[in-house]
């Protein structure tokens, strides 16, 4: 053990008392049954709705352009 500490600075003292204690394992929480997420969950996400709104607006503008200006 002293050989491994030879590269440490001299002010770093070896204060270990042997093997470190093993911490007690944390209790495992019970798994929560998640409901499957469907299409309505996906459509409730703001970035997706912004993207779909922009695409819908572009399609609407193209349709109005084709119907009334061409």
PDB file of N, CA and C in Angstrom:
ATOM      1  N   UNK A   1       0.828  -1.194   0.000  1.00  0.00           N
ATOM      2  CA  UNK A   1       0.000   0.000   0.000  1.00  0.00           C
ATOM      3  C   UNK A   1       0.866   1.249   0.000  1.00  0.00           C
ATOM      4  N   UNK A   2       1.954   1.230   0.699  1.00  0.00           N
ATOM      5  CA  UNK A   2       2.833   2.396   0.752  1.00  0.00           C
ATOM      6  C   UNK A   2       3.429   2.700  -0.614  1.00  0.00           C
ATOM      7  N   UNK A   3       3.630   1.683  -1.424  1.00  0.00           N
ATOM      8  CA  UNK A   3       4.197   1.894  -2.748  1.00  0.00           C
ATOM      9  C   UNK A   3       3.245   2.699  -3.620  1.00  0.00           C
ATOM     10  N   UNK A   4       1.939   2.472  -3.496  1.00  0.00           N
ATOM     11  CA  UNK A   4       0.960   3.193  -4.289  1.00  0.00           C
ATOM     12  C   UNK A   4       0.873   4.654  -3.851  1.00  0.00           C
ATOM     13  N   UNK A   5       1.239   4.952  -2.591  1.00  0.00           N
ATOM     14  CA  UNK A   5       1.132   6.316  -2.082  1.00  0.00           C
ATOM     15  C   UNK A   5       2.408   7.124  -2.286  1.00  0.00           C
ATOM     16  N   UNK A   6       3.421   6.566  -2.891  1.00  0.00           N
ATOM     17  CA  UNK A   6       4.673   7.297  -3.009  1.00  0.00           C
ATOM     18  C   UNK A   6       4.579   8.473  -3.962  1.00  0.00           C
ATOM     19  N   UNK A   7       3.609   8.442  -4.889  1.00  0.00           N
ATOM     20  CA  UNK A   7       3.466   9.528  -5.847  1.00  0.00           C
ATOM     21  C   UNK A   7       2.606  10.661  -5.317  1.00  0.00           C
ATOM     22  N   UNK A   8       2.005  10.485  -4.138  1.00  0.00           N
ATOM     23  CA  UNK A   8       1.170  11.532  -3.561  1.00  0.00           C
ATOM     24  C   UNK A   8       2.052  12.615  -2.954  1.00  0.00           C
ATOM     25  N   UNK A   9       1.470  13.783  -2.806  1.00  0.00           N
ATOM     26  CA  UNK A   9       2.186  14.861  -2.148  1.00  0.00           C
ATOM     27  C   UNK A   9       2.455  14.470  -0.696  1.00  0.00           C
ATOM     28  N   UNK A  10       3.510  14.983  -0.093  1.00  0.00           N
ATOM     29  CA  UNK A  10       3.842  14.580   1.278  1.00  0.00           C
ATOM     30  C   UNK A  10       2.786  14.994   2.304  1.00  0.00           C
ATOM     31  N   UNK A  11       2.011  16.055   2.037  1.00  0.00           N
ATOM     32  CA  UNK A  11       1.024  16.477   3.011  1.00  0.00           C
ATOM     33  C   UNK A  11      -0.245  15.627   2.956  1.00  0.00           C
ATOM     34  N   UNK A  12      -0.324  14.709   2.027  1.00  0.00           N
ATOM     35  CA  UNK A  12      -1.473  13.808   1.934  1.00  0.00           C
ATOM     36  C   UNK A  12      -1.145  12.554   2.745  1.00  0.00           C
ATOM     37  N   UNK A  13      -1.680  12.464   3.937  1.00  0.00           N
ATOM     38  CA  UNK A  13      -1.382  11.342   4.806  1.00  0.00           C
ATOM     39  C   UNK A  13      -2.339  10.195   4.554  1.00  0.00           C
ATOM     40  N   UNK A  14      -1.852   8.986   4.727  1.00  0.00           N
ATOM     41  CA  UNK A  14      -2.680   7.799   4.591  1.00  0.00           C
ATOM     42  C   UNK A  14      -3.450   7.602   5.885  1.00  0.00           C
ATOM     43  N   UNK A  15      -4.764   7.888   5.857  1.00  0.00           N
ATOM     44  CA  UNK A  15      -5.579   7.757   7.065  1.00  0.00           C
ATOM     45  C   UNK A  15      -6.534   6.575   6.984  1.00  0.00           C
ATOM     46  N   UNK A  16      -6.320   5.719   5.993  1.00  0.00           N
ATOM     47  CA  UNK A  16      -7.232   4.589   5.844  1.00  0.00           C
ATOM     48  C   UNK A  16      -7.010   3.588   6.975  1.00  0.00           C
ATOM     49  N   UNK A  17      -8.094   2.928   7.347  1.00  0.00           N
ATOM     50  CA  UNK A  17      -8.056   1.943   8.422  1.00  0.00           C
ATOM     51  C   UNK A  17      -8.255   0.538   7.864  1.00  0.00           C
ATOM     52  N   UNK A  18      -7.840   0.302   6.659  1.00  0.00           N
ATOM     53  CA  UNK A  18      -8.040  -1.008   6.049  1.00  0.00           C
ATOM     54  C   UNK A  18      -9.072  -0.892   4.932  1.00  0.00           C
ATOM     55  N   UNK A  19      -9.845  -1.939   4.759  1.00  0.00           N
ATOM     56  CA  UNK A  19     -10.854  -1.935   3.703  1.00  0.00           C
ATOM     57  C   UNK A  19     -11.965  -0.939   4.027  1.00  0.00           C
ATOM     58  N   UNK A  20     -12.433  -0.195   3.027  1.00  0.00           N
ATOM     59  CA  UNK A  20     -13.539   0.743   3.284  1.00  0.00           C
ATOM     60  C   UNK A  20     -14.819  -0.029   3.578  1.00  0.00           C
ATOM     61  N   UNK A  21     -15.683   0.504   4.437  1.00  0.00           N
ATOM     62  CA  UNK A  21     -16.932  -0.196   4.747  1.00  0.00           C
ATOM     63  C   UNK A  21     -17.848  -0.217   3.522  1.00  0.00           C
ATOM     64  N   UNK A  22     -18.551  -1.298   3.379  1.00  0.00           N
ATOM     65  CA  UNK A  22     -19.482  -1.445   2.262  1.00  0.00           C
ATOM     66  C   UNK A  22     -20.804  -0.803   2.662  1.00  0.00           C
ATOM     67  N   UNK A  23     -21.296   0.172   1.867  1.00  0.00           N
ATOM     68  CA  UNK A  23     -22.570   0.798   2.239  1.00  0.00           C
ATOM     69  C   UNK A  23     -23.731  -0.180   2.072  1.00  0.00           C
ATOM     70  N   UNK A  24     -24.752   0.032   2.870  1.00  0.00           N
ATOM     71  CA  UNK A  24     -25.934  -0.821   2.785  1.00  0.00           C
ATOM     72  C   UNK A  24     -26.637  -0.566   1.458  1.00  0.00           C
ATOM     73  N   UNK A  25     -27.140  -1.594   0.814  1.00  0.00           N
ATOM     74  CA  UNK A  25     -27.826  -1.380  -0.463  1.00  0.00           C
ATOM     75  C   UNK A  25     -29.097  -0.565  -0.264  1.00  0.00           C
ATOM     76  N   UNK A  26     -29.340   0.331  -1.204  1.00  0.00           N
ATOM     77  CA  UNK A  26     -30.536   1.164  -1.138  1.00  0.00           C
ATOM     78  C   UNK A  26     -31.763   0.306  -1.433  1.00  0.00           C
ATOM     79  N   UNK A  27     -32.862   0.582  -0.753  1.00  0.00           N
ATOM     80  CA  UNK A  27     -34.074  -0.201  -1.032  1.00  0.00           C
ATOM     81  C   UNK A  27     -34.561   0.069  -2.452  1.00  0.00           C
ATOM     82  N   UNK A  28     -34.966  -0.986  -3.110  1.00  0.00           N
ATOM     83  CA  UNK A  28     -35.438  -0.879  -4.482  1.00  0.00           C
ATOM     84  C   UNK A  28     -36.918  -0.512  -4.464  1.00  0.00           C
ATOM     85  N   UNK A  29     -37.283   0.631  -5.095  1.00  0.00           N
ATOM     86  CA  UNK A  29     -38.706   0.989  -5.096  1.00  0.00           C
ATOM     87  C   UNK A  29     -39.501   0.041  -5.980  1.00  0.00           C
ATOM     88  N   UNK A  30     -40.754  -0.111  -5.638  1.00  0.00           N
ATOM     89  CA  UNK A  30     -41.622  -0.986  -6.425  1.00  0.00           C
ATOM     90  C   UNK A  30     -41.827  -0.378  -7.804  1.00  0.00           C
ATOM     91  N   UNK A  31     -41.799  -1.191  -8.858  1.00  0.00           N
ATOM     92  CA  UNK A  31     -41.985  -0.639 -10.202  1.00  0.00           C
ATOM     93  C   UNK A  31     -43.394  -0.078 -10.364  1.00  0.00           C
ATOM     94  N   UNK A  32     -43.457   1.079 -11.000  1.00  0.00           N
ATOM     95  CA  UNK A  32     -44.738   1.737 -11.233  1.00  0.00           C
ATOM     96  C   UNK A  32     -45.225   1.329 -12.613  1.00  0.00           C
ATOM     97  N   UNK A  33     -46.445   0.853 -12.662  1.00  0.00           N
ATOM     98  CA  UNK A  33     -47.011   0.438 -13.944  1.00  0.00           C
ATOM     99  C   UNK A  33     -47.380   1.687 -14.737  1.00  0.00           C
ATOM    100  N   UNK A  34     -46.666   1.900 -15.847  1.00  0.00           N
ATOM    101  CA  UNK A  34     -46.947   3.060 -16.685  1.00  0.00           C
ATOM    102  C   UNK A  34     -47.972   2.699 -17.738  1.00  0.00           C
ATOM    103  N   UNK A  35     -48.870   3.639 -17.977  1.00  0.00           N
ATOM    104  CA  UNK A  35     -49.860   3.423 -19.019  1.00  0.00           C
ATOM    105  C   UNK A  35     -49.202   3.663 -20.377  1.00  0.00           C
ATOM    106  N   UNK A  36     -49.607   2.926 -21.376  1.00  0.00           N
ATOM    107  CA  UNK A  36     -49.034   3.174 -22.695  1.00  0.00           C
ATOM    108  C   UNK A  36     -49.440   4.555 -23.191  1.00  0.00           C
ATOM    109  N   UNK A  37     -48.503   5.233 -23.820  1.00  0.00           N
ATOM    110  CA  UNK A  37     -48.771   6.565 -24.330  1.00  0.00           C
ATOM    111  C   UNK A  37     -49.118   6.468 -25.796  1.00  0.00           C
ATOM    112  N   UNK A  38     -50.188   7.089 -26.165  1.00  0.00           N
ATOM    113  CA  UNK A  38     -50.651   6.984 -27.545  1.00  0.00           C
ATOM    114  C   UNK A  38     -50.540   8.291 -28.301  1.00  0.00           C
ATOM    115  N   UNK A  39     -51.357   8.418 -29.318  1.00  0.00           N
ATOM    116  CA  UNK A  39     -51.311   9.559 -30.223  1.00  0.00           C
ATOM    117  C   UNK A  39     -51.693  10.853 -29.505  1.00  0.00           C
ATOM    118  N   UNK A  40     -52.649  10.808 -28.602  1.00  0.00           N
ATOM    119  CA  UNK A  40     -53.063  12.034 -27.927  1.00  0.00           C
ATOM    120  C   UNK A  40     -51.958  12.588 -27.044  1.00  0.00           C
ATOM    121  N   UNK A  41     -51.142  11.712 -26.466  1.00  0.00           N
ATOM    122  CA  UNK A  41     -50.008  12.197 -25.684  1.00  0.00           C
ATOM    123  C   UNK A  41     -48.999  12.891 -26.588  1.00  0.00           C
ATOM    124  N   UNK A  42     -48.743  12.313 -27.755  1.00  0.00           N
ATOM    125  CA  UNK A  42     -47.789  12.910 -28.687  1.00  0.00           C
ATOM    126  C   UNK A  42     -48.285  14.260 -29.179  1.00  0.00           C
ATOM    127  N   UNK A  43     -49.577  14.380 -29.414  1.00  0.00           N
ATOM    128  CA  UNK A  43     -50.118  15.648 -29.914  1.00  0.00           C
ATOM    129  C   UNK A  43     -50.194  16.712 -28.833  1.00  0.00           C
ATOM    130  N   UNK A  44     -49.996  16.347 -27.578  1.00  0.00           N
ATOM    131  CA  UNK A  44     -50.050  17.336 -26.507  1.00  0.00           C
ATOM    132  C   UNK A  44     -48.694  17.998 -26.269  1.00  0.00           C
ATOM    133  N   UNK A  45     -47.684  17.619 -27.030  1.00  0.00           N
ATOM    134  CA  UNK A  45     -46.357  18.190 -26.840  1.00  0.00           C
ATOM    135  C   UNK A  45     -46.234  19.501 -27.617  1.00  0.00           C
ATOM    136  N   UNK A  46     -45.873  20.606 -26.975  1.00  0.00           N
ATOM    137  CA  UNK A  46     -45.826  21.912 -27.645  1.00  0.00           C
ATOM    138  C   UNK A  46     -44.922  21.966 -28.880  1.00  0.00           C
ATOM    139  N   UNK A  47     -43.690  21.425 -28.875  1.00  0.00           N
ATOM    140  CA  UNK A  47     -42.873  21.529 -30.092  1.00  0.00           C
ATOM    141  C   UNK A  47     -43.521  20.835 -31.292  1.00  0.00           C
ATOM    142  N   UNK A  48     -44.167  19.707 -31.046  1.00  0.00           N
ATOM    143  CA  UNK A  48     -44.820  19.010 -32.150  1.00  0.00           C
ATOM    144  C   UNK A  48     -45.990  19.827 -32.678  1.00  0.00           C
ATOM    145  N   UNK A  49     -46.744  20.434 -31.783  1.00  0.00           N
ATOM    146  CA  UNK A  49     -47.889  21.228 -32.220  1.00  0.00           C
ATOM    147  C   UNK A  49     -47.442  22.466 -32.978  1.00  0.00           C
ATOM    148  N   UNK A  50     -46.338  23.078 -32.565  1.00  0.00           N
ATOM    149  CA  UNK A  50     -45.811  24.234 -33.312  1.00  0.00           C
ATOM    150  C   UNK A  50     -45.399  23.794 -34.707  1.00  0.00           C
ATOM    151  N   UNK A  51     -44.683  22.679 -34.804  1.00  0.00           N
ATOM    152  CA  UNK A  51     -44.258  22.173 -36.105  1.00  0.00           C
ATOM    153  C   UNK A  51     -45.460  21.862 -36.993  1.00  0.00           C
ATOM    154  N   UNK A  52     -46.453  21.175 -36.443  1.00  0.00           N
ATOM    155  CA  UNK A  52     -47.631  20.842 -37.245  1.00  0.00           C
ATOM    156  C   UNK A  52     -48.417  22.092 -37.630  1.00  0.00           C
ATOM    157  N   UNK A  53     -48.441  23.087 -36.762  1.00  0.00           N
ATOM    158  CA  UNK A  53     -49.104  24.345 -37.095  1.00  0.00           C
ATOM    159  C   UNK A  53     -48.420  25.067 -38.239  1.00  0.00           C
ATOM    160  N   UNK A  54     -47.100  25.081 -38.228  1.00  0.00           N
ATOM    161  CA  UNK A  54     -46.352  25.726 -39.319  1.00  0.00           C
ATOM    162  C   UNK A  54     -46.585  24.984 -40.629  1.00  0.00           C
ATOM    163  N   UNK A  55     -46.509  23.666 -40.610  1.00  0.00           N
ATOM    164  CA  UNK A  55     -46.735  22.881 -41.825  1.00  0.00           C
ATOM    165  C   UNK A  55     -48.171  23.078 -42.326  1.00  0.00           C
ATOM    166  N   UNK A  56     -49.139  23.073 -41.404  1.00  0.00           N
ATOM    167  CA  UNK A  56     -50.534  23.296 -41.793  1.00  0.00           C
ATOM    168  C   UNK A  56     -50.741  24.671 -42.404  1.00  0.00           C
ATOM    169  N   UNK A  57     -50.096  25.683 -41.843  1.00  0.00           N
ATOM    170  CA  UNK A  57     -50.207  27.037 -42.383  1.00  0.00           C
ATOM    171  C   UNK A  57     -49.615  27.114 -43.788  1.00  0.00           C
ATOM    172  N   UNK A  58     -48.473  26.484 -43.990  1.00  0.00           N
ATOM    173  CA  UNK A  58     -47.858  26.482 -45.328  1.00  0.00           C
ATOM    174  C   UNK A  58     -48.757  25.774 -46.337  1.00  0.00           C
ATOM    175  N   UNK A  59     -49.358  24.658 -45.935  1.00  0.00           N
ATOM    176  CA  UNK A  59     -50.269  23.957 -46.842  1.00  0.00           C
ATOM    177  C   UNK A  59     -51.506  24.802 -47.141  1.00  0.00           C
ATOM    178  N   UNK A  60     -52.024  25.489 -46.132  1.00  0.00           N
ATOM    179  CA  UNK A  60     -53.186  26.350 -46.336  1.00  0.00           C
ATOM    180  C   UNK A  60     -52.850  27.504 -47.278  1.00  0.00           C
ATOM    181  N   UNK A  61     -51.698  28.116 -47.086  1.00  0.00           N
ATOM    182  CA  UNK A  61     -51.290  29.198 -47.977  1.00  0.00           C
ATOM    183  C   UNK A  61     -51.103  28.711 -49.407  1.00  0.00           C
ATOM    184  N   UNK A  62     -50.536  27.529 -49.570  1.00  0.00           N
ATOM    185  CA  UNK A  62     -50.370  26.969 -50.927  1.00  0.00           C
ATOM    186  C   UNK A  62     -51.711  26.679 -51.559  1.00  0.00           C
ATOM    187  N   UNK A  63     -52.653  26.173 -50.785  1.00  0.00           N
ATOM    188  CA  UNK A  63     -53.975  25.870 -51.333  1.00  0.00           C
ATOM    189  C   UNK A  63     -54.720  27.147 -51.708  1.00  0.00           C
ATOM    190  N   UNK A  64     -54.643  28.173 -50.864  1.00  0.00           N
ATOM    191  CA  UNK A  64     -55.293  29.451 -51.186  1.00  0.00           C
ATOM    192  C   UNK A  64     -54.656  30.058 -52.421  1.00  0.00           C
ATOM    193  N   UNK A  65     -53.356  29.979 -52.525  1.00  0.00           N
ATOM    194  CA  UNK A  65     -52.648  30.508 -53.690  1.00  0.00           C
ATOM    195  C   UNK A  65     -53.097  29.807 -54.961  1.00  0.00           C
ATOM    196  N   UNK A  66     -53.200  28.477 -54.899  1.00  0.00           N
ATOM    197  CA  UNK A  66     -53.629  27.704 -56.081  1.00  0.00           C
ATOM    198  C   UNK A  66     -55.077  27.999 -56.454  1.00  0.00           C
ATOM    199  N   UNK A  67     -55.922  28.158 -55.462  1.00  0.00           N
ATOM    200  CA  UNK A  67     -57.349  28.332 -55.750  1.00  0.00           C
ATOM    201  C   UNK A  67     -57.663  29.747 -56.257  1.00  0.00           C
ATOM    202  N   UNK A  68     -57.081  30.756 -55.683  1.00  0.00           N
ATOM    203  CA  UNK A  68     -57.511  32.119 -55.964  1.00  0.00           C
ATOM    204  C   UNK A  68     -56.540  32.926 -56.815  1.00  0.00           C
ATOM    205  N   UNK A  69     -55.305  32.545 -56.853  1.00  0.00           N
ATOM    206  CA  UNK A  69     -54.336  33.382 -57.586  1.00  0.00           C
ATOM    207  C   UNK A  69     -53.848  32.741 -58.882  1.00  0.00           C
ATOM    208  N   UNK A  70     -54.098  31.477 -59.095  1.00  0.00           N
ATOM    209  CA  UNK A  70     -53.655  30.847 -60.337  1.00  0.00           C
ATOM    210  C   UNK A  70     -54.800  30.664 -61.295  1.00  0.00           C
TER     211      UNK A  70
END
